[in-house]
N, C-alpha and C. Protein backbone atom coordinates (compact mmCIF):
# COMPACT_ATOMS: atom_id res chain seq x y z
N MET A 1 83.77 -6.80 -21.55
CA MET A 1 82.41 -7.05 -21.95
C MET A 1 81.53 -6.01 -21.26
N ALA A 2 80.85 -5.23 -22.00
CA ALA A 2 79.99 -4.19 -21.45
C ALA A 2 78.61 -4.76 -21.19
N LEU A 3 78.03 -4.33 -20.10
CA LEU A 3 76.68 -4.76 -19.78
C LEU A 3 75.71 -3.88 -20.55
N VAL A 4 74.88 -4.49 -21.35
CA VAL A 4 73.86 -3.77 -22.10
C VAL A 4 72.55 -3.98 -21.35
N ALA A 5 71.82 -2.90 -21.14
CA ALA A 5 70.59 -2.97 -20.36
C ALA A 5 69.66 -4.07 -20.87
N GLY A 6 69.55 -4.20 -22.17
CA GLY A 6 68.66 -5.21 -22.75
C GLY A 6 69.06 -6.62 -22.37
N GLU A 7 70.37 -6.88 -22.21
CA GLU A 7 70.83 -8.20 -21.82
C GLU A 7 70.36 -8.57 -20.42
N ALA A 8 70.15 -7.58 -19.59
CA ALA A 8 69.70 -7.81 -18.22
C ALA A 8 68.18 -7.77 -18.12
N GLY A 9 67.50 -7.65 -19.26
CA GLY A 9 66.05 -7.59 -19.26
C GLY A 9 65.50 -6.25 -18.82
N VAL A 10 66.30 -5.20 -18.98
CA VAL A 10 65.88 -3.87 -18.55
C VAL A 10 65.76 -2.97 -19.78
N ARG A 11 64.66 -2.25 -19.87
CA ARG A 11 64.50 -1.28 -20.95
C ARG A 11 65.07 0.04 -20.45
N TYR A 12 66.03 0.58 -21.16
CA TYR A 12 66.67 1.82 -20.72
C TYR A 12 66.76 2.80 -21.87
N ARG A 13 66.36 4.01 -21.60
CA ARG A 13 66.50 5.09 -22.56
C ARG A 13 67.01 6.30 -21.80
N PRO A 14 68.24 6.78 -22.09
CA PRO A 14 68.79 7.92 -21.36
C PRO A 14 67.88 9.14 -21.48
N ARG A 15 67.77 9.88 -20.37
CA ARG A 15 66.98 11.10 -20.36
C ARG A 15 67.87 12.26 -19.97
N TRP A 16 67.48 13.46 -20.34
CA TRP A 16 68.31 14.62 -20.07
C TRP A 16 68.50 14.85 -18.58
N GLN A 17 67.56 14.45 -17.75
CA GLN A 17 67.67 14.70 -16.32
C GLN A 17 68.42 13.60 -15.57
N ASP A 18 68.86 12.56 -16.25
CA ASP A 18 69.62 11.50 -15.59
C ASP A 18 70.91 12.06 -15.03
N ARG A 19 71.27 11.61 -13.84
CA ARG A 19 72.52 12.04 -13.21
C ARG A 19 73.63 11.11 -13.67
N ARG A 20 74.76 11.72 -14.06
CA ARG A 20 75.93 10.95 -14.48
C ARG A 20 77.14 11.60 -13.86
N PHE A 21 78.01 10.79 -13.26
CA PHE A 21 79.19 11.31 -12.61
C PHE A 21 80.43 10.62 -13.19
N GLU A 22 81.47 11.36 -13.36
CA GLU A 22 82.72 10.82 -13.91
C GLU A 22 83.69 10.39 -12.80
N ASP A 23 83.55 10.99 -11.62
CA ASP A 23 84.46 10.72 -10.51
C ASP A 23 83.94 9.53 -9.69
N TYR A 24 84.76 8.53 -9.45
CA TYR A 24 84.34 7.31 -8.76
C TYR A 24 83.83 7.60 -7.35
N ASP A 25 84.52 8.45 -6.61
CA ASP A 25 84.07 8.78 -5.26
C ASP A 25 82.72 9.47 -5.28
N THR A 26 82.47 10.30 -6.28
CA THR A 26 81.18 10.98 -6.40
C THR A 26 80.08 9.98 -6.72
N VAL A 27 80.38 8.98 -7.53
CA VAL A 27 79.41 7.93 -7.85
C VAL A 27 79.00 7.19 -6.58
N ILE A 28 80.00 6.82 -5.78
CA ILE A 28 79.71 6.11 -4.53
C ILE A 28 78.89 6.99 -3.59
N ALA A 29 79.30 8.25 -3.44
CA ALA A 29 78.57 9.17 -2.55
C ALA A 29 77.14 9.37 -3.02
N ALA A 30 76.93 9.47 -4.32
CA ALA A 30 75.58 9.66 -4.86
C ALA A 30 74.71 8.44 -4.58
N ALA A 31 75.25 7.25 -4.77
CA ALA A 31 74.48 6.03 -4.50
C ALA A 31 74.17 5.93 -3.00
N GLU A 32 75.15 6.26 -2.18
CA GLU A 32 74.96 6.20 -0.74
C GLU A 32 73.91 7.22 -0.27
N ALA A 33 73.82 8.35 -0.98
CA ALA A 33 72.84 9.38 -0.64
C ALA A 33 71.45 9.04 -1.18
N GLY A 34 71.33 7.96 -1.93
CA GLY A 34 70.03 7.55 -2.43
C GLY A 34 69.63 8.19 -3.74
N LEU A 35 70.61 8.68 -4.51
CA LEU A 35 70.31 9.33 -5.78
C LEU A 35 70.13 8.36 -6.94
N GLY A 36 70.30 7.08 -6.70
CA GLY A 36 70.13 6.11 -7.77
C GLY A 36 71.03 4.92 -7.56
N VAL A 37 71.31 4.20 -8.64
CA VAL A 37 72.17 3.03 -8.58
C VAL A 37 73.52 3.39 -9.18
N ALA A 38 74.53 2.61 -8.80
CA ALA A 38 75.88 2.86 -9.29
C ALA A 38 76.46 1.56 -9.83
N LEU A 39 77.20 1.65 -10.89
CA LEU A 39 77.93 0.52 -11.44
C LEU A 39 79.33 0.62 -10.86
N LEU A 40 79.66 -0.27 -9.93
CA LEU A 40 80.90 -0.19 -9.17
C LEU A 40 81.80 -1.38 -9.41
N ARG A 41 83.05 -1.22 -9.06
CA ARG A 41 84.03 -2.30 -9.19
C ARG A 41 84.23 -2.97 -7.84
N MET A 42 84.28 -4.29 -7.88
CA MET A 42 84.62 -5.06 -6.68
C MET A 42 86.04 -5.54 -6.87
N PRO A 43 86.88 -5.58 -5.90
CA PRO A 43 86.59 -5.38 -4.50
C PRO A 43 86.63 -3.95 -3.98
N PRO A 44 87.01 -2.91 -4.74
CA PRO A 44 87.05 -1.58 -4.14
C PRO A 44 85.76 -1.14 -3.46
N ALA A 45 84.61 -1.49 -4.00
CA ALA A 45 83.34 -1.10 -3.39
C ALA A 45 82.95 -2.02 -2.25
N GLY A 46 83.70 -3.07 -2.03
CA GLY A 46 83.39 -4.03 -0.98
C GLY A 46 83.31 -3.42 0.40
N ALA A 47 84.14 -2.45 0.68
CA ALA A 47 84.13 -1.82 2.01
C ALA A 47 82.77 -1.18 2.28
N TRP A 48 82.17 -0.58 1.29
CA TRP A 48 80.86 0.05 1.48
C TRP A 48 79.76 -0.99 1.67
N THR A 49 79.85 -2.09 0.93
CA THR A 49 78.82 -3.13 1.09
C THR A 49 79.00 -3.87 2.41
N GLU A 50 80.23 -4.10 2.83
CA GLU A 50 80.49 -4.80 4.08
C GLU A 50 80.00 -4.00 5.28
N ARG A 51 80.10 -2.68 5.21
CA ARG A 51 79.64 -1.82 6.31
C ARG A 51 78.15 -1.51 6.21
N GLY A 52 77.50 -2.02 5.16
CA GLY A 52 76.08 -1.80 5.01
C GLY A 52 75.71 -0.42 4.49
N ARG A 53 76.67 0.31 3.95
CA ARG A 53 76.39 1.64 3.43
C ARG A 53 75.84 1.58 2.01
N LEU A 54 76.16 0.50 1.29
CA LEU A 54 75.60 0.24 -0.04
C LEU A 54 75.17 -1.22 -0.07
N ALA A 55 74.22 -1.53 -0.91
CA ALA A 55 73.76 -2.92 -1.06
C ALA A 55 73.93 -3.33 -2.51
N ARG A 56 74.46 -4.50 -2.70
CA ARG A 56 74.64 -5.04 -4.04
C ARG A 56 73.29 -5.51 -4.57
N ILE A 57 73.00 -5.19 -5.83
CA ILE A 57 71.76 -5.60 -6.46
C ILE A 57 72.07 -6.82 -7.32
N GLY A 58 71.64 -7.98 -6.90
CA GLY A 58 71.89 -9.20 -7.66
C GLY A 58 73.33 -9.66 -7.54
N ASN A 59 73.64 -10.73 -8.25
CA ASN A 59 74.98 -11.32 -8.21
C ASN A 59 75.70 -11.26 -9.54
N ARG A 60 75.13 -10.57 -10.51
CA ARG A 60 75.74 -10.52 -11.82
C ARG A 60 76.99 -9.65 -11.80
N ALA A 61 78.03 -10.12 -12.44
CA ALA A 61 79.28 -9.38 -12.56
C ALA A 61 79.73 -9.45 -14.01
N GLU A 62 80.39 -8.42 -14.47
CA GLU A 62 80.89 -8.36 -15.83
C GLU A 62 82.40 -8.13 -15.81
N ALA A 63 83.07 -8.70 -16.77
CA ALA A 63 84.52 -8.49 -16.89
C ALA A 63 84.78 -7.03 -17.27
N ASN A 64 85.86 -6.48 -16.74
CA ASN A 64 86.23 -5.10 -17.03
C ASN A 64 87.22 -5.10 -18.20
N PRO A 65 86.82 -4.50 -19.33
CA PRO A 65 87.71 -4.50 -20.49
C PRO A 65 88.87 -3.51 -20.36
N ALA A 66 88.83 -2.64 -19.36
CA ALA A 66 89.90 -1.65 -19.19
C ALA A 66 91.14 -2.34 -18.63
N ALA A 67 92.26 -1.98 -19.13
CA ALA A 67 93.52 -2.53 -18.65
C ALA A 67 94.27 -1.46 -17.86
N HIS A 68 95.11 -1.90 -16.94
CA HIS A 68 95.93 -1.00 -16.16
C HIS A 68 97.39 -1.36 -16.41
N TYR A 69 98.22 -0.36 -16.46
CA TYR A 69 99.62 -0.57 -16.77
C TYR A 69 100.49 0.05 -15.69
N LEU A 70 101.52 -0.65 -15.30
CA LEU A 70 102.50 -0.14 -14.35
C LEU A 70 103.56 0.57 -15.17
N CYS A 71 103.78 1.83 -14.88
CA CYS A 71 104.73 2.62 -15.67
C CYS A 71 105.79 3.26 -14.80
N THR A 72 106.99 3.32 -15.32
CA THR A 72 108.09 4.05 -14.70
C THR A 72 108.75 4.87 -15.79
N ARG A 73 109.72 5.66 -15.40
CA ARG A 73 110.41 6.42 -16.44
C ARG A 73 111.22 5.46 -17.32
N ALA A 74 111.47 5.87 -18.52
CA ALA A 74 112.24 5.05 -19.46
C ALA A 74 113.64 4.82 -18.90
N GLN A 75 114.13 3.62 -19.07
CA GLN A 75 115.47 3.24 -18.64
C GLN A 75 115.66 3.32 -17.13
N GLU A 76 114.61 3.01 -16.37
CA GLU A 76 114.70 3.06 -14.89
C GLU A 76 115.78 2.11 -14.40
N GLN A 77 116.66 2.59 -13.53
CA GLN A 77 117.77 1.79 -13.01
C GLN A 77 117.75 1.65 -11.49
N ARG A 78 116.92 2.41 -10.79
CA ARG A 78 116.93 2.35 -9.32
C ARG A 78 116.39 1.00 -8.85
N GLY A 79 117.17 0.34 -8.02
CA GLY A 79 116.82 -0.98 -7.53
C GLY A 79 115.50 -1.03 -6.77
N VAL A 80 115.24 0.00 -5.95
CA VAL A 80 114.00 0.00 -5.17
C VAL A 80 112.78 0.11 -6.07
N VAL A 81 112.89 0.87 -7.14
CA VAL A 81 111.77 1.02 -8.08
C VAL A 81 111.55 -0.29 -8.83
N ILE A 82 112.62 -0.90 -9.26
CA ILE A 82 112.52 -2.17 -9.98
C ILE A 82 111.96 -3.25 -9.05
N ALA A 83 112.42 -3.31 -7.81
CA ALA A 83 111.92 -4.31 -6.86
C ALA A 83 110.43 -4.10 -6.57
N LEU A 84 110.02 -2.86 -6.36
CA LEU A 84 108.60 -2.58 -6.12
C LEU A 84 107.77 -2.97 -7.33
N SER A 85 108.26 -2.66 -8.53
CA SER A 85 107.54 -3.01 -9.75
C SER A 85 107.35 -4.52 -9.85
N GLU A 86 108.38 -5.26 -9.55
CA GLU A 86 108.31 -6.72 -9.61
C GLU A 86 107.31 -7.26 -8.59
N ARG A 87 107.28 -6.67 -7.38
CA ARG A 87 106.33 -7.11 -6.36
C ARG A 87 104.89 -6.81 -6.76
N LEU A 88 104.66 -5.64 -7.35
CA LEU A 88 103.32 -5.28 -7.79
C LEU A 88 102.83 -6.20 -8.91
N ILE A 89 103.72 -6.50 -9.84
CA ILE A 89 103.36 -7.39 -10.95
C ILE A 89 103.06 -8.79 -10.41
N ALA A 90 103.86 -9.28 -9.46
CA ALA A 90 103.62 -10.60 -8.88
C ALA A 90 102.30 -10.63 -8.11
N ALA A 91 102.00 -9.56 -7.38
CA ALA A 91 100.74 -9.51 -6.62
C ALA A 91 99.54 -9.48 -7.57
N ALA A 92 99.65 -8.73 -8.66
CA ALA A 92 98.55 -8.68 -9.63
C ALA A 92 98.34 -10.04 -10.28
N GLU A 93 99.42 -10.72 -10.59
CA GLU A 93 99.31 -12.05 -11.20
C GLU A 93 98.69 -13.04 -10.24
N ALA A 94 99.09 -12.98 -8.97
CA ALA A 94 98.50 -13.88 -7.96
C ALA A 94 97.01 -13.60 -7.80
N PHE A 95 96.63 -12.34 -7.80
CA PHE A 95 95.22 -11.97 -7.67
C PHE A 95 94.42 -12.46 -8.88
N ARG A 96 95.01 -12.31 -10.06
CA ARG A 96 94.33 -12.73 -11.29
C ARG A 96 94.09 -14.23 -11.31
N GLN A 97 95.03 -14.99 -10.78
CA GLN A 97 94.91 -16.45 -10.79
C GLN A 97 93.98 -16.96 -9.69
N GLY A 98 93.62 -16.06 -8.77
CA GLY A 98 92.65 -16.42 -7.72
C GLY A 98 93.30 -17.07 -6.57
């Protein structure tokens, strides 16, 4: 679900001078430097908010429609790779269930 500015009661019209960054670390650095606001993911951005380097604006959160996939080479047979994959999948499932 994407956050639309109008849904938050904000009128937004992009301008040519608006700063936009594609790299996540650059987005965080720009917000920390006071160049504007950043749309960040929690919990990864939590370290910055916990240390007081960034401040969260409001409590609204939106679901992330992007999916992540665990990939290995086709026909993977190495036991350590399979075991690690299974642990990562289990950890993601536990996190998802809260």
